[in-house]
PDB file of N, CA and C in Angstrom:
ATOM      1  N   MET A   1       0.848  -1.180   0.000  1.00  0.00           N
ATOM      2  CA  MET A   1       0.000   0.000   0.000  1.00  0.00           C
ATOM      3  C   MET A   1       0.891   1.240   0.000  1.00  0.00           C
ATOM      4  N   ARG A   2       0.475   2.252  -0.723  1.00  0.00           N
ATOM      5  CA  ARG A   2       1.236   3.492  -0.828  1.00  0.00           C
ATOM      6  C   ARG A   2       0.978   4.389   0.386  1.00  0.00           C
ATOM      7  N   PRO A   3       1.823   5.415   0.546  1.00  0.00           N
ATOM      8  CA  PRO A   3       1.642   6.336   1.680  1.00  0.00           C
ATOM      9  C   PRO A   3       0.278   7.020   1.687  1.00  0.00           C
ATOM     10  N   LEU A   4      -0.281   7.297   0.505  1.00  0.00           N
ATOM     11  CA  LEU A   4      -1.589   7.945   0.440  1.00  0.00           C
ATOM     12  C   LEU A   4      -2.666   7.060   1.074  1.00  0.00           C
ATOM     13  N   GLY A   5      -2.601   5.764   0.814  1.00  0.00           N
ATOM     14  CA  GLY A   5      -3.554   4.831   1.404  1.00  0.00           C
ATOM     15  C   GLY A   5      -3.365   4.705   2.911  1.00  0.00           C
ATOM     16  N   LEU A   6      -2.108   4.715   3.348  1.00  0.00           N
ATOM     17  CA  LEU A   6      -1.844   4.618   4.788  1.00  0.00           C
ATOM     18  C   LEU A   6      -2.350   5.851   5.534  1.00  0.00           C
ATOM     19  N   VAL A   7      -2.168   7.018   4.939  1.00  0.00           N
ATOM     20  CA  VAL A   7      -2.688   8.243   5.557  1.00  0.00           C
ATOM     21  C   VAL A   7      -4.211   8.185   5.619  1.00  0.00           C
ATOM     22  N   GLY A   8      -4.834   7.652   4.571  1.00  0.00           N
ATOM     23  CA  GLY A   8      -6.287   7.506   4.568  1.00  0.00           C
ATOM     24  C   GLY A   8      -6.771   6.601   5.686  1.00  0.00           C
ATOM     25  N   ILE A   9      -6.099   5.480   5.875  1.00  0.00           N
ATOM     26  CA  ILE A   9      -6.485   4.546   6.945  1.00  0.00           C
ATOM     27  C   ILE A   9      -6.273   5.195   8.311  1.00  0.00           C
ATOM     28  N   LEU A  10      -5.170   5.922   8.467  1.00  0.00           N
ATOM     29  CA  LEU A  10      -4.899   6.600   9.737  1.00  0.00           C
ATOM     30  C   LEU A  10      -5.983   7.636  10.054  1.00  0.00           C
ATOM     31  N   LEU A  11      -6.398   8.391   9.041  1.00  0.00           N
ATOM     32  CA  LEU A  11      -7.461   9.375   9.253  1.00  0.00           C
ATOM     33  C   LEU A  11      -8.779   8.704   9.629  1.00  0.00           C
ATOM     34  N   ILE A  12      -9.088   7.597   8.999  1.00  0.00           N
ATOM     35  CA  ILE A  12     -10.331   6.886   9.305  1.00  0.00           C
ATOM     36  C   ILE A  12     -10.308   6.382  10.752  1.00  0.00           C
ATOM     37  N   VAL A  13      -9.194   5.819  11.178  1.00  0.00           N
ATOM     38  CA  VAL A  13      -9.092   5.292  12.546  1.00  0.00           C
ATOM     39  C   VAL A  13      -9.191   6.427  13.569  1.00  0.00           C
ATOM     40  N   CYS A  14      -8.466   7.522  13.317  1.00  0.00           N
ATOM     41  CA  CYS A  14      -8.516   8.660  14.246  1.00  0.00           C
ATOM     42  C   CYS A  14      -9.918   9.270  14.296  1.00  0.00           C
ATOM     43  N   GLY A  15     -10.569   9.386  13.147  1.00  0.00           N
ATOM     44  CA  GLY A  15     -11.930   9.910  13.100  1.00  0.00           C
ATOM     45  C   GLY A  15     -12.903   9.028  13.858  1.00  0.00           C
ATOM     46  N   ALA A  16     -12.728   7.714  13.730  1.00  0.00           N
ATOM     47  CA  ALA A  16     -13.602   6.793  14.452  1.00  0.00           C
ATOM     48  C   ALA A  16     -13.408   6.908  15.961  1.00  0.00           C
ATOM     49  N   VAL A  17     -12.170   7.111  16.394  1.00  0.00           N
ATOM     50  CA  VAL A  17     -11.897   7.274  17.826  1.00  0.00           C
ATOM     51  C   VAL A  17     -12.564   8.541  18.355  1.00  0.00           C
ATOM     52  N   VAL A  18     -12.452   9.632  17.596  1.00  0.00           N
ATOM     53  CA  VAL A  18     -13.080  10.891  18.018  1.00  0.00           C
ATOM     54  C   VAL A  18     -14.593  10.727  18.109  1.00  0.00           C
ATOM     55  N   LEU A  19     -15.184  10.027  17.142  1.00  0.00           N
ATOM     56  CA  LEU A  19     -16.631   9.804  17.188  1.00  0.00           C
ATOM     57  C   LEU A  19     -17.027   8.898  18.350  1.00  0.00           C
ATOM     58  N   ALA A  20     -16.245   7.867  18.586  1.00  0.00           N
ATOM     59  CA  ALA A  20     -16.569   6.928  19.668  1.00  0.00           C
ATOM     60  C   ALA A  20     -16.508   7.610  21.038  1.00  0.00           C
ATOM     61  N   LEU A  21     -15.584   8.542  21.188  1.00  0.00           N
ATOM     62  CA  LEU A  21     -15.441   9.242  22.465  1.00  0.00           C
ATOM     63  C   LEU A  21     -16.304  10.501  22.556  1.00  0.00           C
ATOM     64  N   ARG A  22     -17.046  10.781  21.488  1.00  0.00           N
ATOM     65  CA  ARG A  22     -17.897  11.976  21.413  1.00  0.00           C
ATOM     66  C   ARG A  22     -17.089  13.255  21.624  1.00  0.00           C
ATOM     67  N   GLY A  23     -15.926  13.294  20.995  1.00  0.00           N
ATOM     68  CA  GLY A  23     -15.044  14.450  21.107  1.00  0.00           C
ATOM     69  C   GLY A  23     -13.915  14.160  22.073  1.00  0.00           C
ATOM     70  N   ILE A  24     -12.833  14.898  21.918  1.00  0.00           N
ATOM     71  CA  ILE A  24     -11.667  14.710  22.777  1.00  0.00           C
ATOM     72  C   ILE A  24     -11.266  16.068  23.342  1.00  0.00           C
ATOM     73  N   SER A  25     -11.138  16.144  24.659  1.00  0.00           N
ATOM     74  CA  SER A  25     -10.657  17.376  25.274  1.00  0.00           C
ATOM     75  C   SER A  25      -9.192  17.196  25.640  1.00  0.00           C
ATOM     76  N   TYR A  26      -8.447  18.289  25.580  1.00  0.00           N
ATOM     77  CA  TYR A  26      -7.028  18.249  25.887  1.00  0.00           C
ATOM     78  C   TYR A  26      -6.613  19.576  26.508  1.00  0.00           C
ATOM     79  N   THR A  27      -5.454  19.576  27.151  1.00  0.00           N
ATOM     80  CA  THR A  27      -4.923  20.792  27.771  1.00  0.00           C
ATOM     81  C   THR A  27      -3.896  21.418  26.840  1.00  0.00           C
ATOM     82  N   LYS A  28      -4.132  22.661  26.441  1.00  0.00           N
ATOM     83  CA  LYS A  28      -3.210  23.361  25.544  1.00  0.00           C
ATOM     84  C   LYS A  28      -1.968  23.822  26.283  1.00  0.00           C
ATOM     85  N   GLU A  29      -2.160  24.584  27.310  1.00  0.00           N
ATOM     86  CA  GLU A  29      -1.014  25.061  28.076  1.00  0.00           C
ATOM     87  C   GLU A  29      -1.382  25.146  29.547  1.00  0.00           C
ATOM     88  N   ARG A  30      -0.371  24.981  30.356  1.00  0.00           N
ATOM     89  CA  ARG A  30      -0.570  25.024  31.801  1.00  0.00           C
ATOM     90  C   ARG A  30       0.501  25.930  32.381  1.00  0.00           C
ATOM     91  N   GLN A  31       0.077  26.898  33.166  1.00  0.00           N
ATOM     92  CA  GLN A  31       1.013  27.824  33.800  1.00  0.00           C
ATOM     93  C   GLN A  31       0.829  27.745  35.310  1.00  0.00           C
ATOM     94  N   GLU A  32       1.941  27.627  35.985  1.00  0.00           N
ATOM     95  CA  GLU A  32       1.909  27.587  37.439  1.00  0.00           C
ATOM     96  C   GLU A  32       2.801  28.688  37.994  1.00  0.00           C
ATOM     97  N   VAL A  33       2.311  29.349  39.020  1.00  0.00           N
ATOM     98  CA  VAL A  33       3.074  30.391  39.695  1.00  0.00           C
ATOM     99  C   VAL A  33       3.070  30.067  41.181  1.00  0.00           C
ATOM    100  N   ALA A  34       4.253  30.055  41.771  1.00  0.00           N
ATOM    101  CA  ALA A  34       4.366  29.789  43.202  1.00  0.00           C
ATOM    102  C   ALA A  34       4.991  31.004  43.869  1.00  0.00           C
ATOM    103  N   VAL A  35       4.237  31.588  44.804  1.00  0.00           N
ATOM    104  CA  VAL A  35       4.731  32.725  45.574  1.00  0.00           C
ATOM    105  C   VAL A  35       4.637  32.326  47.038  1.00  0.00           C
ATOM    106  N   GLY A  36       5.773  31.964  47.591  1.00  0.00           N
ATOM    107  CA  GLY A  36       5.777  31.501  48.978  1.00  0.00           C
ATOM    108  C   GLY A  36       4.946  30.228  49.096  1.00  0.00           C
ATOM    109  N   PRO A  37       4.043  30.190  50.067  1.00  0.00           N
ATOM    110  CA  PRO A  37       3.229  28.991  50.242  1.00  0.00           C
ATOM    111  C   PRO A  37       2.043  28.920  49.263  1.00  0.00           C
ATOM    112  N   LEU A  38       1.795  29.991  48.525  1.00  0.00           N
ATOM    113  CA  LEU A  38       0.671  30.020  47.586  1.00  0.00           C
ATOM    114  C   LEU A  38       1.087  29.511  46.212  1.00  0.00           C
ATOM    115  N   GLU A  39       0.222  28.704  45.612  1.00  0.00           N
ATOM    116  CA  GLU A  39       0.446  28.235  44.255  1.00  0.00           C
ATOM    117  C   GLU A  39      -0.809  28.503  43.447  1.00  0.00           C
ATOM    118  N   VAL A  40      -0.630  29.088  42.270  1.00  0.00           N
ATOM    119  CA  VAL A  40      -1.747  29.382  41.387  1.00  0.00           C
ATOM    120  C   VAL A  40      -1.471  28.710  40.045  1.00  0.00           C
ATOM    121  N   ALA A  41      -2.462  27.994  39.545  1.00  0.00           N
ATOM    122  CA  ALA A  41      -2.310  27.296  38.268  1.00  0.00           C
ATOM    123  C   ALA A  41      -3.415  27.742  37.319  1.00  0.00           C
ATOM    124  N   ALA A  42      -3.044  27.925  36.067  1.00  0.00           N
ATOM    125  CA  ALA A  42      -4.010  28.295  35.039  1.00  0.00           C
ATOM    126  C   ALA A  42      -3.848  27.327  33.867  1.00  0.00           C
ATOM    127  N   GLU A  43      -4.958  26.816  33.381  1.00  0.00           N
ATOM    128  CA  GLU A  43      -4.941  25.890  32.256  1.00  0.00           C
ATOM    129  C   GLU A  43      -5.819  26.423  31.139  1.00  0.00           C
ATOM    130  N   ARG A  44      -5.357  26.225  29.931  1.00  0.00           N
ATOM    131  CA  ARG A  44      -6.188  26.517  28.764  1.00  0.00           C
ATOM    132  C   ARG A  44      -6.525  25.187  28.136  1.00  0.00           C
ATOM    133  N   LYS A  45      -7.804  24.932  27.993  1.00  0.00           N
ATOM    134  CA  LYS A  45      -8.235  23.643  27.464  1.00  0.00           C
ATOM    135  C   LYS A  45      -8.767  23.794  26.054  1.00  0.00           C
ATOM    136  N   GLY A  46      -8.624  22.735  25.282  1.00  0.00           N
ATOM    137  CA  GLY A  46      -9.146  22.684  23.929  1.00  0.00           C
ATOM    138  C   GLY A  46     -10.058  21.481  23.776  1.00  0.00           C
ATOM    139  N   PHE A  47     -10.818  21.459  22.686  1.00  0.00           N
ATOM    140  CA  PHE A  47     -11.762  20.367  22.461  1.00  0.00           C
ATOM    141  C   PHE A  47     -11.834  20.062  20.969  1.00  0.00           C
ATOM    142  N   ILE A  48     -11.712  18.797  20.614  1.00  0.00           N
ATOM    143  CA  ILE A  48     -11.896  18.354  19.233  1.00  0.00           C
ATOM    144  C   ILE A  48     -13.324  17.825  19.134  1.00  0.00           C
ATOM    145  N   PRO A  49     -14.194  18.497  18.380  1.00  0.00           N
ATOM    146  CA  PRO A  49     -15.600  18.093  18.317  1.00  0.00           C
ATOM    147  C   PRO A  49     -15.798  16.844  17.457  1.00  0.00           C
ATOM    148  N   PRO A  50     -16.913  16.135  17.664  1.00  0.00           N
ATOM    149  CA  PRO A  50     -17.197  14.949  16.864  1.00  0.00           C
ATOM    150  C   PRO A  50     -17.298  15.244  15.361  1.00  0.00           C
ATOM    151  N   ALA A  51     -17.678  16.465  14.999  1.00  0.00           N
ATOM    152  CA  ALA A  51     -17.759  16.811  13.576  1.00  0.00           C
ATOM    153  C   ALA A  51     -16.388  16.683  12.906  1.00  0.00           C
ATOM    154  N   ALA A  52     -15.324  16.948  13.644  1.00  0.00           N
ATOM    155  CA  ALA A  52     -13.974  16.786  13.094  1.00  0.00           C
ATOM    156  C   ALA A  52     -13.694  15.311  12.809  1.00  0.00           C
ATOM    157  N   GLY A  53     -14.259  14.432  13.611  1.00  0.00           N
ATOM    158  CA  GLY A  53     -14.120  12.994  13.356  1.00  0.00           C
ATOM    159  C   GLY A  53     -14.810  12.581  12.072  1.00  0.00           C
ATOM    160  N   VAL A  54     -15.976  13.149  11.828  1.00  0.00           N
ATOM    161  CA  VAL A  54     -16.706  12.847  10.591  1.00  0.00           C
ATOM    162  C   VAL A  54     -15.910  13.338   9.391  1.00  0.00           C
ATOM    163  N   VAL A  55     -15.363  14.541   9.498  1.00  0.00           N
ATOM    164  CA  VAL A  55     -14.560  15.100   8.395  1.00  0.00           C
ATOM    165  C   VAL A  55     -13.327  14.226   8.153  1.00  0.00           C
ATOM    166  N   ALA A  56     -12.676  13.770   9.204  1.00  0.00           N
ATOM    167  CA  ALA A  56     -11.494  12.924   9.060  1.00  0.00           C
ATOM    168  C   ALA A  56     -11.836  11.612   8.365  1.00  0.00           C
ATOM    169  N   ILE A  57     -12.975  11.026   8.696  1.00  0.00           N
ATOM    170  CA  ILE A  57     -13.390   9.776   8.059  1.00  0.00           C
ATOM    171  C   ILE A  57     -13.670  10.000   6.576  1.00  0.00           C
ATOM    172  N   VAL A  58     -14.366  11.080   6.240  1.00  0.00           N
ATOM    173  CA  VAL A  58     -14.692  11.365   4.838  1.00  0.00           C
ATOM    174  C   VAL A  58     -13.415  11.610   4.033  1.00  0.00           C
ATOM    175  N   VAL A  59     -12.491  12.394   4.578  1.00  0.00           N
ATOM    176  CA  VAL A  59     -11.233  12.661   3.881  1.00  0.00           C
ATOM    177  C   VAL A  59     -10.420  11.372   3.739  1.00  0.00           C
ATOM    178  N   GLY A  60     -10.404  10.548   4.774  1.00  0.00           N
ATOM    179  CA  GLY A  60      -9.692   9.268   4.712  1.00  0.00           C
ATOM    180  C   GLY A  60     -10.255   8.354   3.650  1.00  0.00           C
ATOM    181  N   LEU A  61     -11.580   8.290   3.547  1.00  0.00           N
ATOM    182  CA  LEU A  61     -12.193   7.479   2.498  1.00  0.00           C
ATOM    183  C   LEU A  61     -11.854   8.030   1.115  1.00  0.00           C
ATOM    184  N   GLY A  62     -11.843   9.336   0.995  1.00  0.00           N
ATOM    185  CA  GLY A  62     -11.470   9.952  -0.275  1.00  0.00           C
ATOM    186  C   GLY A  62     -10.038   9.599  -0.673  1.00  0.00           C
ATOM    187  N   LEU A  63      -9.129   9.626   0.292  1.00  0.00           N
ATOM    188  CA  LEU A  63      -7.741   9.271   0.006  1.00  0.00           C
ATOM    189  C   LEU A  63      -7.605   7.813  -0.398  1.00  0.00           C
ATOM    190  N   LEU A  64      -8.370   6.928   0.223  1.00  0.00           N
ATOM    191  CA  LEU A  64      -8.331   5.517  -0.168  1.00  0.00           C
ATOM    192  C   LEU A  64      -8.847   5.321  -1.586  1.00  0.00           C
ATOM    193  N   ILE A  65      -9.893   6.031  -1.951  1.00  0.00           N
ATOM    194  CA  ILE A  65     -10.443   5.918  -3.306  1.00  0.00           C
ATOM    195  C   ILE A  65      -9.428   6.429  -4.330  1.00  0.00           C
ATOM    196  N   VAL A  66      -8.801   7.557  -4.037  1.00  0.00           N
ATOM    197  CA  VAL A  66      -7.788   8.108  -4.950  1.00  0.00           C
ATOM    198  C   VAL A  66      -6.616   7.141  -5.077  1.00  0.00           C
ATOM    199  N   ASP A  67      -6.203   6.538  -3.979  1.00  0.00           N
ATOM    200  CA  ASP A  67      -5.088   5.595  -4.005  1.00  0.00           C
ATOM    201  C   ASP A  67      -5.408   4.388  -4.875  1.00  0.00           C
ATOM    202  N   ARG A  68      -6.622   3.881  -4.774  1.00  0.00           N
ATOM    203  CA  ARG A  68      -7.007   2.719  -5.583  1.00  0.00           C
ATOM    204  C   ARG A  68      -7.083   3.061  -7.066  1.00  0.00           C
ATOM    205  N   GLN A  69      -7.556   4.263  -7.379  1.00  0.00           N
ATOM    206  CA  GLN A  69      -7.641   4.657  -8.782  1.00  0.00           C
ATOM    207  C   GLN A  69      -6.264   4.888  -9.379  1.00  0.00           C
ATOM    208  N   ARG A  70      -5.317   5.331  -8.596  1.00  0.00           N
ATOM    209  CA  ARG A  70      -3.950   5.541  -9.083  1.00  0.00           C
ATOM    210  C   ARG A  70      -3.250   4.229  -9.372  1.00  0.00           C
ATOM    211  N   ARG A  71      -3.614   3.181  -8.659  1.00  0.00           N
ATOM    212  CA  ARG A  71      -2.962   1.878  -8.841  1.00  0.00           C
ATOM    213  C   ARG A  71      -3.330   1.238 -10.174  1.00  0.00           C
ATOM    214  N   ARG A  72      -4.460   1.600 -10.744  1.00  0.00           N
ATOM    215  CA  ARG A  72      -4.911   0.966 -11.995  1.00  0.00           C
ATOM    216  C   ARG A  72      -4.115   1.367 -13.160  1.00  0.00           C
TER     217      ARG A  72
END
């Protein structure tokens, strides 16, 4: 299988995981400040919505179709 097909399969698997988990949340950055006995932490969070999983699956399927047509 060519790299285009492998990227397509990877996108399909990642998209399916995002859909199965109904989105994925992650921490973008974390800042901590310690002044004496006081500690203050700030986090910025991000979220990958399930719609991104659907888009990844569609693009992955498209890449697989293109890969198969190129092989002919």
